[in-house]
Amino acid sequence: MVADVTFFNHIYGFIVFRSPKLKKNLYFKLIPYETILEYYLGRIEVEKQGFKLSAIVLDGRTGVRKVFADMPIQMCHFHQKQIIQRDLTLHPKLEAGIELKTIANTLCNSSEEKFAKQLDGWHNKWYDFLKERTTNPITKRWCYTHKRIRSAYRSLNINLPYLFTYQKYPELNIPNTTNSLDGSFSQLKMKLGVHRGMREPIKRKMIEEILGN
């Protein structure tokens, strides 16, 4: 059983486990804030229902991977691209950023070997550029000049071992995104938008009812 796992935050925070194959939420819970423990407890509850998790699709929280370290883990491509967009924007101005975004855009149509080679080539080309520092003339403290480009590269580099898991286990039919879950969240947000102004306890009950169907 392949499952998507994510944390839905819309006024209330819900942790949700979903089976893309069954198109069904296996478990959800309102939590005050997101912790690794809540993912661990969620896994236990799903397994108590008789489901055996064969793989997991996550949206990028690295610490959560420890909870599912005994199974194949796929990093959601959509969320990876969102991280890159957040750091580089839709239209990066610097050449290094433009080139890195171009590489990131090939993610869904690439292989781990090809993608890693492109990423390494980019890093070697821009190595000195990434090391550039800017010093505050008053405090004399320094920081890396191109922090956002460094952040985007670091994200791709750290997540690389989990970006192509779906290709390594074709028999498991692992999705490369959490679209099954994100799609249900979009519908949920739409329904909540229609009922703006309702009292919070009623809104929470509505969310729980929708997630439970």
N, C-alpha and C. Protein backbone atom coordinates (compact mmCIF):
# COMPACT_ATOMS: atom_id res chain seq x y z
N MET A 1 0.85 -1.19 0.00
CA MET A 1 0.00 0.00 0.00
C MET A 1 0.89 1.24 0.00
N VAL A 2 0.83 1.99 -1.08
CA VAL A 2 1.54 3.27 -1.16
C VAL A 2 0.66 4.34 -0.54
N ALA A 3 1.25 5.20 0.26
CA ALA A 3 0.47 6.26 0.90
C ALA A 3 1.13 7.61 0.71
N ASP A 4 0.30 8.64 0.53
CA ASP A 4 0.77 10.02 0.59
C ASP A 4 0.66 10.46 2.04
N VAL A 5 1.58 11.28 2.48
CA VAL A 5 1.48 11.84 3.83
C VAL A 5 1.78 13.32 3.74
N THR A 6 0.94 14.11 4.38
CA THR A 6 1.21 15.54 4.39
C THR A 6 0.55 16.18 5.59
N PHE A 7 0.83 17.47 5.74
CA PHE A 7 0.26 18.26 6.83
C PHE A 7 -0.54 19.38 6.19
N PHE A 8 -1.84 19.38 6.44
CA PHE A 8 -2.72 20.38 5.84
C PHE A 8 -2.92 21.51 6.83
N ASN A 9 -2.63 22.73 6.41
CA ASN A 9 -2.74 23.87 7.31
C ASN A 9 -3.70 24.90 6.73
N HIS A 10 -4.90 24.93 7.23
CA HIS A 10 -5.88 25.93 6.81
C HIS A 10 -6.72 26.27 8.04
N ILE A 11 -6.29 27.26 8.78
CA ILE A 11 -6.87 27.64 10.06
C ILE A 11 -6.53 26.59 11.11
N TYR A 12 -6.87 25.32 10.80
CA TYR A 12 -6.51 24.22 11.67
C TYR A 12 -5.43 23.41 10.97
N GLY A 13 -4.62 22.70 11.76
CA GLY A 13 -3.60 21.84 11.16
C GLY A 13 -4.04 20.39 11.25
N PHE A 14 -4.15 19.73 10.13
CA PHE A 14 -4.49 18.32 10.09
C PHE A 14 -3.35 17.54 9.46
N ILE A 15 -2.94 16.46 10.10
CA ILE A 15 -2.02 15.53 9.48
C ILE A 15 -2.88 14.48 8.77
N VAL A 16 -2.55 14.16 7.53
CA VAL A 16 -3.39 13.28 6.73
C VAL A 16 -2.55 12.21 6.04
N PHE A 17 -2.98 10.95 6.16
CA PHE A 17 -2.42 9.84 5.41
C PHE A 17 -3.46 9.44 4.37
N ARG A 18 -3.05 9.32 3.13
CA ARG A 18 -4.00 8.98 2.06
C ARG A 18 -3.44 7.90 1.15
N SER A 19 -4.27 7.00 0.71
CA SER A 19 -3.90 6.00 -0.28
C SER A 19 -4.31 6.50 -1.66
N PRO A 20 -3.34 6.79 -2.56
CA PRO A 20 -3.71 7.24 -3.91
C PRO A 20 -4.41 6.15 -4.71
N LYS A 21 -4.09 4.89 -4.38
CA LYS A 21 -4.72 3.77 -5.10
C LYS A 21 -6.19 3.66 -4.74
N LEU A 22 -6.49 3.73 -3.44
CA LEU A 22 -7.87 3.63 -2.98
C LEU A 22 -8.62 4.95 -3.10
N LYS A 23 -7.87 6.05 -3.31
CA LYS A 23 -8.44 7.40 -3.33
C LYS A 23 -9.21 7.66 -2.04
N LYS A 24 -8.55 7.34 -0.96
CA LYS A 24 -9.21 7.40 0.34
C LYS A 24 -8.21 7.86 1.40
N ASN A 25 -8.68 8.71 2.31
CA ASN A 25 -7.86 9.11 3.46
C ASN A 25 -7.89 7.97 4.49
N LEU A 26 -6.71 7.46 4.84
CA LEU A 26 -6.63 6.35 5.79
C LEU A 26 -6.64 6.84 7.23
N TYR A 27 -6.18 8.06 7.41
CA TYR A 27 -6.06 8.59 8.78
C TYR A 27 -5.92 10.10 8.71
N PHE A 28 -6.56 10.80 9.63
CA PHE A 28 -6.32 12.24 9.75
C PHE A 28 -6.54 12.63 11.20
N LYS A 29 -5.86 13.69 11.59
CA LYS A 29 -5.94 14.12 12.98
C LYS A 29 -5.63 15.61 13.07
N LEU A 30 -6.40 16.30 13.87
CA LEU A 30 -6.13 17.71 14.16
C LEU A 30 -5.01 17.79 15.17
N ILE A 31 -3.94 18.52 14.85
CA ILE A 31 -2.81 18.63 15.76
C ILE A 31 -2.46 20.10 15.96
N PRO A 32 -1.96 20.46 17.14
CA PRO A 32 -1.64 21.88 17.40
C PRO A 32 -0.49 22.39 16.55
N TYR A 33 0.50 21.52 16.29
CA TYR A 33 1.60 21.88 15.40
C TYR A 33 2.25 20.60 14.91
N GLU A 34 2.99 20.74 13.84
CA GLU A 34 3.56 19.58 13.15
C GLU A 34 4.82 19.09 13.87
N THR A 35 4.84 17.79 14.20
CA THR A 35 6.02 17.18 14.80
C THR A 35 6.25 15.81 14.18
N ILE A 36 7.48 15.33 14.29
CA ILE A 36 7.80 14.00 13.79
C ILE A 36 7.01 12.94 14.55
N LEU A 37 6.79 13.19 15.83
CA LEU A 37 6.03 12.24 16.65
C LEU A 37 4.63 12.02 16.08
N GLU A 38 3.99 13.08 15.59
CA GLU A 38 2.63 12.94 15.05
C GLU A 38 2.62 12.06 13.80
N TYR A 39 3.68 12.14 13.00
CA TYR A 39 3.77 11.26 11.83
C TYR A 39 3.97 9.81 12.27
N TYR A 40 4.77 9.62 13.32
CA TYR A 40 4.99 8.28 13.86
C TYR A 40 3.68 7.69 14.40
N LEU A 41 2.94 8.50 15.15
CA LEU A 41 1.66 8.04 15.70
C LEU A 41 0.66 7.75 14.58
N GLY A 42 0.70 8.57 13.54
CA GLY A 42 -0.18 8.35 12.40
C GLY A 42 0.13 7.04 11.71
N ARG A 43 1.40 6.74 11.55
CA ARG A 43 1.77 5.46 10.93
C ARG A 43 1.24 4.29 11.76
N ILE A 44 1.40 4.38 13.06
CA ILE A 44 0.92 3.31 13.94
C ILE A 44 -0.58 3.10 13.76
N GLU A 45 -1.33 4.20 13.70
CA GLU A 45 -2.78 4.11 13.56
C GLU A 45 -3.18 3.48 12.23
N VAL A 46 -2.48 3.86 11.16
CA VAL A 46 -2.77 3.29 9.84
C VAL A 46 -2.51 1.78 9.85
N GLU A 47 -1.40 1.38 10.45
CA GLU A 47 -1.06 -0.04 10.50
C GLU A 47 -2.02 -0.81 11.41
N LYS A 48 -2.55 -0.15 12.43
CA LYS A 48 -3.55 -0.79 13.29
C LYS A 48 -4.82 -1.13 12.52
N GLN A 49 -5.10 -0.35 11.47
CA GLN A 49 -6.28 -0.60 10.65
C GLN A 49 -6.08 -1.80 9.71
N GLY A 50 -4.85 -2.33 9.70
CA GLY A 50 -4.57 -3.49 8.85
C GLY A 50 -3.87 -3.14 7.55
N PHE A 51 -3.55 -1.86 7.35
CA PHE A 51 -2.84 -1.47 6.14
C PHE A 51 -1.34 -1.66 6.33
N LYS A 52 -0.68 -2.19 5.32
CA LYS A 52 0.78 -2.33 5.34
C LYS A 52 1.35 -1.34 4.34
N LEU A 53 2.12 -0.40 4.82
CA LEU A 53 2.70 0.62 3.95
C LEU A 53 3.89 0.03 3.20
N SER A 54 3.86 0.13 1.89
CA SER A 54 4.96 -0.39 1.07
C SER A 54 5.87 0.72 0.57
N ALA A 55 5.38 1.94 0.56
CA ALA A 55 6.16 3.11 0.14
C ALA A 55 5.43 4.35 0.61
N ILE A 56 6.13 5.47 0.61
CA ILE A 56 5.54 6.73 1.09
C ILE A 56 5.94 7.88 0.18
N VAL A 57 5.03 8.80 -0.04
CA VAL A 57 5.32 10.02 -0.82
C VAL A 57 5.19 11.20 0.13
N LEU A 58 6.27 11.93 0.31
CA LEU A 58 6.31 13.04 1.26
C LEU A 58 6.46 14.37 0.55
N ASP A 59 6.14 15.45 1.27
CA ASP A 59 6.19 16.77 0.64
C ASP A 59 7.41 17.58 1.03
N GLY A 60 8.41 16.95 1.62
CA GLY A 60 9.68 17.65 1.76
C GLY A 60 10.25 17.82 3.13
N ARG A 61 9.53 17.51 4.20
CA ARG A 61 10.07 17.68 5.54
C ARG A 61 11.06 16.56 5.84
N THR A 62 12.33 16.90 5.87
CA THR A 62 13.39 15.89 5.93
C THR A 62 13.33 15.03 7.19
N GLY A 63 12.97 15.63 8.32
CA GLY A 63 12.94 14.88 9.57
C GLY A 63 11.93 13.75 9.57
N VAL A 64 10.85 13.91 8.79
CA VAL A 64 9.79 12.90 8.75
C VAL A 64 10.29 11.61 8.11
N ARG A 65 11.32 11.70 7.31
CA ARG A 65 11.83 10.51 6.62
C ARG A 65 12.28 9.43 7.59
N LYS A 66 12.67 9.84 8.78
CA LYS A 66 13.12 8.86 9.78
C LYS A 66 11.99 7.90 10.15
N VAL A 67 10.76 8.40 10.13
CA VAL A 67 9.61 7.58 10.51
C VAL A 67 9.37 6.47 9.49
N PHE A 68 9.78 6.70 8.25
CA PHE A 68 9.51 5.74 7.18
C PHE A 68 10.81 5.22 6.56
N ALA A 69 11.86 5.17 7.35
CA ALA A 69 13.19 4.80 6.85
C ALA A 69 13.27 3.35 6.39
N ASP A 70 12.30 2.53 6.76
CA ASP A 70 12.32 1.12 6.40
C ASP A 70 11.59 0.83 5.09
N MET A 71 11.22 1.87 4.35
CA MET A 71 10.49 1.66 3.09
C MET A 71 10.95 2.70 2.07
N PRO A 72 10.66 2.48 0.78
CA PRO A 72 11.00 3.48 -0.24
C PRO A 72 10.30 4.80 0.02
N ILE A 73 11.05 5.89 -0.09
CA ILE A 73 10.51 7.23 0.15
C ILE A 73 10.66 8.06 -1.13
N GLN A 74 9.56 8.62 -1.58
CA GLN A 74 9.55 9.49 -2.75
C GLN A 74 9.27 10.92 -2.33
N MET A 75 10.14 11.84 -2.76
CA MET A 75 9.90 13.27 -2.54
C MET A 75 8.99 13.79 -3.64
N CYS A 76 7.94 14.46 -3.27
CA CYS A 76 6.97 14.99 -4.24
C CYS A 76 7.63 16.00 -5.18
N HIS A 77 7.53 15.74 -6.48
CA HIS A 77 8.13 16.64 -7.47
C HIS A 77 7.49 18.02 -7.44
N PHE A 78 6.19 18.06 -7.25
CA PHE A 78 5.50 19.35 -7.23
C PHE A 78 6.02 20.22 -6.09
N HIS A 79 6.18 19.63 -4.90
CA HIS A 79 6.67 20.40 -3.76
C HIS A 79 8.14 20.78 -3.94
N GLN A 80 8.91 19.91 -4.59
CA GLN A 80 10.31 20.26 -4.85
C GLN A 80 10.38 21.48 -5.77
N LYS A 81 9.55 21.51 -6.78
CA LYS A 81 9.53 22.65 -7.69
C LYS A 81 9.04 23.92 -6.99
N GLN A 82 8.13 23.76 -6.06
CA GLN A 82 7.67 24.92 -5.28
C GLN A 82 8.81 25.52 -4.46
N ILE A 83 9.63 24.64 -3.88
CA ILE A 83 10.79 25.10 -3.10
C ILE A 83 11.74 25.90 -3.99
N ILE A 84 11.99 25.38 -5.19
CA ILE A 84 12.88 26.06 -6.13
C ILE A 84 12.29 27.41 -6.54
N GLN A 85 11.00 27.43 -6.80
CA GLN A 85 10.34 28.68 -7.20
C GLN A 85 10.40 29.71 -6.08
N ARG A 86 10.23 29.23 -4.84
CA ARG A 86 10.30 30.15 -3.69
C ARG A 86 11.68 30.80 -3.60
N ASP A 87 12.72 30.03 -3.85
CA ASP A 87 14.08 30.55 -3.73
C ASP A 87 14.52 31.36 -4.95
N LEU A 88 14.14 30.89 -6.14
CA LEU A 88 14.64 31.52 -7.36
C LEU A 88 13.63 32.47 -8.01
N THR A 89 12.37 32.42 -7.59
CA THR A 89 11.25 33.14 -8.19
C THR A 89 10.92 32.53 -9.56
N LEU A 90 9.84 32.99 -10.14
CA LEU A 90 9.44 32.48 -11.46
C LEU A 90 10.40 32.89 -12.56
N HIS A 91 11.01 34.07 -12.38
CA HIS A 91 11.90 34.60 -13.42
C HIS A 91 13.21 35.08 -12.78
N PRO A 92 14.11 34.15 -12.46
CA PRO A 92 15.39 34.56 -11.88
C PRO A 92 16.17 35.45 -12.84
N LYS A 93 16.90 36.40 -12.27
CA LYS A 93 17.61 37.38 -13.10
C LYS A 93 19.06 36.97 -13.36
N LEU A 94 19.69 36.33 -12.37
CA LEU A 94 21.10 35.95 -12.53
C LEU A 94 21.22 34.67 -13.35
N GLU A 95 22.28 34.61 -14.14
CA GLU A 95 22.47 33.46 -15.04
C GLU A 95 22.51 32.13 -14.29
N ALA A 96 23.17 32.14 -13.14
CA ALA A 96 23.26 30.90 -12.35
C ALA A 96 21.88 30.42 -11.93
N GLY A 97 21.03 31.35 -11.52
CA GLY A 97 19.66 31.01 -11.13
C GLY A 97 18.83 30.52 -12.30
N ILE A 98 19.00 31.16 -13.44
CA ILE A 98 18.27 30.75 -14.65
C ILE A 98 18.64 29.32 -15.04
N GLU A 99 19.93 29.02 -15.00
CA GLU A 99 20.40 27.69 -15.38
C GLU A 99 19.92 26.63 -14.38
N LEU A 100 19.95 26.97 -13.10
CA LEU A 100 19.51 26.00 -12.08
C LEU A 100 18.01 25.74 -12.20
N LYS A 101 17.23 26.77 -12.47
CA LYS A 101 15.78 26.58 -12.64
C LYS A 101 15.49 25.74 -13.88
N THR A 102 16.28 25.91 -14.93
CA THR A 102 16.11 25.10 -16.14
C THR A 102 16.34 23.63 -15.84
N ILE A 103 17.36 23.35 -15.02
CA ILE A 103 17.63 21.97 -14.62
C ILE A 103 16.47 21.43 -13.79
N ALA A 104 16.00 22.22 -12.85
CA ALA A 104 14.90 21.78 -11.98
C ALA A 104 13.64 21.50 -12.79
N ASN A 105 13.44 22.22 -13.87
CA ASN A 105 12.25 22.03 -14.70
C ASN A 105 12.26 20.70 -15.45
N THR A 106 13.43 20.05 -15.53
CA THR A 106 13.52 18.76 -16.23
C THR A 106 13.23 17.59 -15.29
N LEU A 107 12.96 17.89 -14.04
CA LEU A 107 12.85 16.87 -12.99
C LEU A 107 11.92 15.72 -13.38
N CYS A 108 10.73 16.04 -13.85
CA CYS A 108 9.72 15.00 -14.12
C CYS A 108 10.05 14.15 -15.34
N ASN A 109 10.96 14.62 -16.17
CA ASN A 109 11.28 13.89 -17.41
C ASN A 109 12.73 13.38 -17.42
N SER A 110 13.33 13.30 -16.25
CA SER A 110 14.74 12.92 -16.17
C SER A 110 14.91 11.61 -15.41
N SER A 111 16.16 11.19 -15.28
CA SER A 111 16.52 10.04 -14.46
C SER A 111 17.48 10.53 -13.39
N GLU A 112 17.68 9.73 -12.35
CA GLU A 112 18.57 10.17 -11.28
C GLU A 112 19.99 10.41 -11.80
N GLU A 113 20.46 9.51 -12.64
CA GLU A 113 21.83 9.64 -13.16
C GLU A 113 21.98 10.92 -13.98
N LYS A 114 21.05 11.16 -14.88
CA LYS A 114 21.11 12.34 -15.74
C LYS A 114 20.96 13.62 -14.93
N PHE A 115 20.01 13.62 -14.00
CA PHE A 115 19.75 14.83 -13.20
C PHE A 115 20.96 15.14 -12.31
N ALA A 116 21.53 14.11 -11.69
CA ALA A 116 22.70 14.30 -10.82
C ALA A 116 23.88 14.85 -11.61
N LYS A 117 24.04 14.36 -12.84
CA LYS A 117 25.14 14.84 -13.69
C LYS A 117 24.96 16.31 -14.03
N GLN A 118 23.72 16.71 -14.35
CA GLN A 118 23.45 18.12 -14.66
C GLN A 118 23.70 19.00 -13.43
N LEU A 119 23.25 18.51 -12.27
CA LEU A 119 23.39 19.28 -11.04
C LEU A 119 24.86 19.44 -10.66
N ASP A 120 25.62 18.38 -10.80
CA ASP A 120 27.07 18.44 -10.51
C ASP A 120 27.77 19.39 -11.47
N GLY A 121 27.38 19.32 -12.74
CA GLY A 121 27.99 20.21 -13.74
C GLY A 121 27.71 21.67 -13.43
N TRP A 122 26.46 21.94 -13.02
CA TRP A 122 26.09 23.31 -12.64
C TRP A 122 26.90 23.77 -11.44
N HIS A 123 27.02 22.92 -10.42
CA HIS A 123 27.74 23.28 -9.20
C HIS A 123 29.21 23.55 -9.48
N ASN A 124 29.82 22.73 -10.31
CA ASN A 124 31.23 22.93 -10.66
C ASN A 124 31.43 24.25 -11.41
N LYS A 125 30.51 24.56 -12.30
CA LYS A 125 30.60 25.79 -13.09
C LYS A 125 30.49 27.03 -12.21
N TRP A 126 29.60 26.98 -11.20
CA TRP A 126 29.29 28.16 -10.39
C TRP A 126 29.89 28.08 -8.99
N TYR A 127 30.87 27.23 -8.81
CA TYR A 127 31.44 27.00 -7.48
C TYR A 127 31.96 28.30 -6.84
N ASP A 128 32.77 29.05 -7.57
CA ASP A 128 33.33 30.30 -7.03
C ASP A 128 32.24 31.34 -6.80
N PHE A 129 31.27 31.38 -7.69
CA PHE A 129 30.14 32.30 -7.58
C PHE A 129 29.37 32.04 -6.29
N LEU A 130 29.16 30.78 -5.97
CA LEU A 130 28.40 30.41 -4.78
C LEU A 130 29.15 30.73 -3.49
N LYS A 131 30.46 30.86 -3.59
CA LYS A 131 31.29 31.16 -2.41
C LYS A 131 31.41 32.66 -2.14
N GLU A 132 30.91 33.47 -3.04
CA GLU A 132 31.03 34.92 -2.87
C GLU A 132 30.35 35.38 -1.58
N ARG A 133 31.02 36.32 -0.90
CA ARG A 133 30.50 36.82 0.37
C ARG A 133 30.31 38.33 0.32
N THR A 134 29.36 38.79 1.14
CA THR A 134 29.11 40.22 1.28
C THR A 134 29.31 40.57 2.76
N THR A 135 30.14 41.60 3.01
CA THR A 135 30.44 42.01 4.39
C THR A 135 29.71 43.31 4.73
N ASN A 136 29.05 43.30 5.87
CA ASN A 136 28.37 44.50 6.35
C ASN A 136 29.44 45.51 6.79
N PRO A 137 29.46 46.71 6.20
CA PRO A 137 30.51 47.68 6.51
C PRO A 137 30.47 48.16 7.97
N ILE A 138 29.33 48.03 8.61
CA ILE A 138 29.20 48.52 9.99
C ILE A 138 29.55 47.42 10.99
N THR A 139 28.89 46.27 10.85
CA THR A 139 29.09 45.18 11.82
C THR A 139 30.29 44.31 11.48
N LYS A 140 30.74 44.41 10.21
CA LYS A 140 31.85 43.59 9.71
C LYS A 140 31.49 42.11 9.60
N ARG A 141 30.22 41.82 9.81
CA ARG A 141 29.78 40.44 9.64
C ARG A 141 29.54 40.15 8.17
N TRP A 142 29.75 38.90 7.77
CA TRP A 142 29.57 38.56 6.37
C TRP A 142 28.47 37.52 6.21
N CYS A 143 27.95 37.46 5.01
CA CYS A 143 26.99 36.41 4.65
C CYS A 143 27.23 36.07 3.19
N TYR A 144 26.76 34.92 2.77
CA TYR A 144 26.91 34.55 1.37
C TYR A 144 26.05 35.48 0.51
N THR A 145 26.63 35.95 -0.57
CA THR A 145 25.97 36.94 -1.43
C THR A 145 24.73 36.36 -2.12
N HIS A 146 24.82 35.11 -2.52
CA HIS A 146 23.73 34.50 -3.31
C HIS A 146 23.03 33.41 -2.49
N LYS A 147 22.47 33.84 -1.37
CA LYS A 147 21.89 32.88 -0.41
C LYS A 147 20.74 32.07 -1.01
N ARG A 148 19.91 32.71 -1.78
CA ARG A 148 18.73 32.01 -2.30
C ARG A 148 19.12 30.97 -3.35
N ILE A 149 20.09 31.29 -4.16
CA ILE A 149 20.55 30.31 -5.16
C ILE A 149 21.23 29.14 -4.46
N ARG A 150 21.98 29.43 -3.42
CA ARG A 150 22.61 28.37 -2.62
C ARG A 150 21.54 27.48 -1.98
N SER A 151 20.48 28.11 -1.49
CA SER A 151 19.40 27.38 -0.84
C SER A 151 18.69 26.45 -1.83
N ALA A 152 18.45 26.94 -3.03
CA ALA A 152 17.78 26.13 -4.06
C ALA A 152 18.64 24.93 -4.43
N TYR A 153 19.93 25.16 -4.62
CA TYR A 153 20.84 24.06 -4.95
C TYR A 153 20.89 23.04 -3.81
N ARG A 154 21.00 23.53 -2.59
CA ARG A 154 21.09 22.64 -1.43
C ARG A 154 19.84 21.75 -1.33
N SER A 155 18.68 22.32 -1.60
CA SER A 155 17.45 21.55 -1.55
C SER A 155 17.48 20.41 -2.57
N LEU A 156 17.87 20.71 -3.79
CA LEU A 156 17.94 19.67 -4.82
C LEU A 156 18.98 18.61 -4.48
N ASN A 157 20.09 19.06 -3.95
CA ASN A 157 21.18 18.13 -3.63
C ASN A 157 20.80 17.19 -2.47
N ILE A 158 20.18 17.75 -1.43
CA ILE A 158 19.79 16.95 -0.27
C ILE A 158 18.66 15.98 -0.63
N ASN A 159 17.73 16.44 -1.45
CA ASN A 159 16.57 15.61 -1.79
C ASN A 159 16.83 14.63 -2.93
N LEU A 160 17.96 14.77 -3.60
CA LEU A 160 18.26 13.94 -4.77
C LEU A 160 18.03 12.43 -4.55
N PRO A 161 18.46 11.85 -3.42
CA PRO A 161 18.27 10.40 -3.23
C PRO A 161 16.80 9.98 -3.17
N TYR A 162 15.88 10.96 -3.03
CA TYR A 162 14.46 10.63 -2.88
C TYR A 162 13.61 11.11 -4.06
N LEU A 163 14.24 11.74 -5.04
CA LEU A 163 13.49 12.32 -6.14
C LEU A 163 13.13 11.30 -7.23
N PHE A 164 13.85 10.19 -7.28
CA PHE A 164 13.63 9.21 -8.35
C PHE A 164 13.34 7.81 -7.82
N THR A 165 12.87 7.75 -6.58
CA THR A 165 12.51 6.47 -5.98
C THR A 165 11.45 5.76 -6.80
N TYR A 166 10.52 6.50 -7.35
CA TYR A 166 9.42 5.91 -8.11
C TYR A 166 9.93 5.13 -9.33
N GLN A 167 11.10 5.50 -9.84
CA GLN A 167 11.67 4.79 -10.99
C GLN A 167 12.38 3.50 -10.56
N LYS A 168 12.80 3.45 -9.31
CA LYS A 168 13.55 2.28 -8.82
C LYS A 168 12.65 1.12 -8.43
N TYR A 169 11.37 1.42 -8.18
CA TYR A 169 10.43 0.38 -7.75
C TYR A 169 9.18 0.41 -8.63
N PRO A 170 9.32 0.09 -9.93
CA PRO A 170 8.17 0.17 -10.84
C PRO A 170 7.01 -0.73 -10.42
N GLU A 171 7.35 -1.84 -9.74
CA GLU A 171 6.30 -2.78 -9.34
C GLU A 171 5.37 -2.20 -8.28
N LEU A 172 5.84 -1.16 -7.56
CA LEU A 172 5.01 -0.54 -6.52
C LEU A 172 4.11 0.57 -7.04
N ASN A 173 4.38 1.00 -8.28
CA ASN A 173 3.56 2.05 -8.89
C ASN A 173 3.48 3.29 -7.99
N ILE A 174 4.64 3.77 -7.56
CA ILE A 174 4.70 4.92 -6.65
C ILE A 174 4.48 6.21 -7.44
N PRO A 175 3.56 7.07 -7.03
CA PRO A 175 3.41 8.37 -7.70
C PRO A 175 4.63 9.24 -7.41
N ASN A 176 4.93 10.17 -8.31
CA ASN A 176 6.05 11.08 -8.04
C ASN A 176 5.58 12.41 -7.47
N THR A 177 4.28 12.48 -7.14
CA THR A 177 3.74 13.68 -6.48
C THR A 177 2.70 13.25 -5.45
N THR A 178 2.30 14.20 -4.61
CA THR A 178 1.20 13.96 -3.67
C THR A 178 -0.10 14.56 -4.23
N ASN A 179 -0.23 14.53 -5.56
CA ASN A 179 -1.37 15.17 -6.21
C ASN A 179 -2.71 14.62 -5.75
N SER A 180 -2.75 13.33 -5.43
CA SER A 180 -3.99 12.72 -4.95
C SER A 180 -4.49 13.44 -3.70
N LEU A 181 -3.55 13.75 -2.82
CA LEU A 181 -3.89 14.43 -1.56
C LEU A 181 -4.10 15.92 -1.78
N ASP A 182 -3.22 16.52 -2.57
CA ASP A 182 -3.33 17.96 -2.81
C ASP A 182 -4.63 18.31 -3.55
N GLY A 183 -5.07 17.40 -4.42
CA GLY A 183 -6.32 17.62 -5.14
C GLY A 183 -7.51 17.65 -4.20
N SER A 184 -7.50 16.74 -3.22
CA SER A 184 -8.60 16.71 -2.25
C SER A 184 -8.56 17.95 -1.37
N PHE A 185 -7.35 18.47 -1.08
CA PHE A 185 -7.23 19.69 -0.29
C PHE A 185 -7.78 20.89 -1.05
N SER A 186 -7.56 20.91 -2.37
CA SER A 186 -8.05 22.02 -3.17
C SER A 186 -9.58 22.09 -3.12
N GLN A 187 -10.21 20.92 -3.22
CA GLN A 187 -11.67 20.87 -3.14
C GLN A 187 -12.15 21.32 -1.76
N LEU A 188 -11.40 20.88 -0.74
CA LEU A 188 -11.75 21.25 0.63
C LEU A 188 -11.67 22.77 0.81
N LYS A 189 -10.62 23.38 0.32
CA LYS A 189 -10.46 24.83 0.45
C LYS A 189 -11.57 25.58 -0.29
N MET A 190 -11.98 25.01 -1.44
CA MET A 190 -13.06 25.63 -2.20
C MET A 190 -14.36 25.63 -1.40
N LYS A 191 -14.65 24.48 -0.78
CA LYS A 191 -15.88 24.36 0.01
C LYS A 191 -15.85 25.27 1.23
N LEU A 192 -14.67 25.38 1.84
CA LEU A 192 -14.54 26.27 2.99
C LEU A 192 -14.72 27.72 2.57
N GLY A 193 -14.23 28.05 1.37
CA GLY A 193 -14.36 29.41 0.87
C GLY A 193 -15.81 29.81 0.66
N VAL A 194 -16.64 28.84 0.25
CA VAL A 194 -18.06 29.11 0.03
C VAL A 194 -18.76 29.43 1.34
N HIS A 195 -18.25 28.81 2.41
CA HIS A 195 -18.90 28.96 3.73
C HIS A 195 -18.09 29.88 4.65
N ARG A 196 -17.53 30.91 4.11
CA ARG A 196 -16.79 31.87 4.93
C ARG A 196 -17.71 32.49 5.98
N GLY A 197 -17.15 32.73 7.16
CA GLY A 197 -17.93 33.38 8.19
C GLY A 197 -18.56 32.42 9.18
N MET A 198 -18.50 31.11 8.88
CA MET A 198 -19.07 30.17 9.84
C MET A 198 -18.20 30.09 11.08
N ARG A 199 -18.79 29.71 12.19
CA ARG A 199 -18.06 29.62 13.45
C ARG A 199 -16.99 28.54 13.37
N GLU A 200 -15.89 28.77 14.12
CA GLU A 200 -14.75 27.88 14.02
C GLU A 200 -15.05 26.42 14.37
N PRO A 201 -15.81 26.12 15.44
CA PRO A 201 -16.11 24.71 15.74
C PRO A 201 -16.87 24.02 14.61
N ILE A 202 -17.77 24.76 13.97
CA ILE A 202 -18.54 24.20 12.85
C ILE A 202 -17.62 23.97 11.66
N LYS A 203 -16.72 24.93 11.44
CA LYS A 203 -15.78 24.79 10.32
C LYS A 203 -14.89 23.57 10.52
N ARG A 204 -14.45 23.35 11.76
CA ARG A 204 -13.61 22.20 12.04
C ARG A 204 -14.37 20.89 11.79
N LYS A 205 -15.63 20.86 12.21
CA LYS A 205 -16.44 19.66 11.98
C LYS A 205 -16.62 19.39 10.50
N MET A 206 -16.77 20.46 9.75
CA MET A 206 -16.95 20.33 8.30
C MET A 206 -15.68 19.73 7.67
N ILE A 207 -14.52 20.23 8.10
CA ILE A 207 -13.25 19.71 7.59
C ILE A 207 -13.14 18.22 7.90
N GLU A 208 -13.45 17.85 9.14
CA GLU A 208 -13.35 16.45 9.54
C GLU A 208 -14.27 15.55 8.73
N GLU A 209 -15.48 16.07 8.46
CA GLU A 209 -16.44 15.27 7.69
C GLU A 209 -15.96 15.06 6.27
N ILE A 210 -15.41 16.12 5.66
CA ILE A 210 -14.92 16.03 4.28
C ILE A 210 -13.72 15.09 4.20
N LEU A 211 -12.79 15.22 5.15
CA LEU A 211 -11.61 14.36 5.15
C LEU A 211 -11.97 12.90 5.38
N GLY A 212 -13.06 12.67 6.11
CA GLY A 212 -13.47 11.30 6.43
C GLY A 212 -14.23 10.60 5.32
N ASN A 213 -14.62 11.33 4.27
CA ASN A 213 -15.38 10.72 3.16
C ASN A 213 -14.48 10.33 2.00
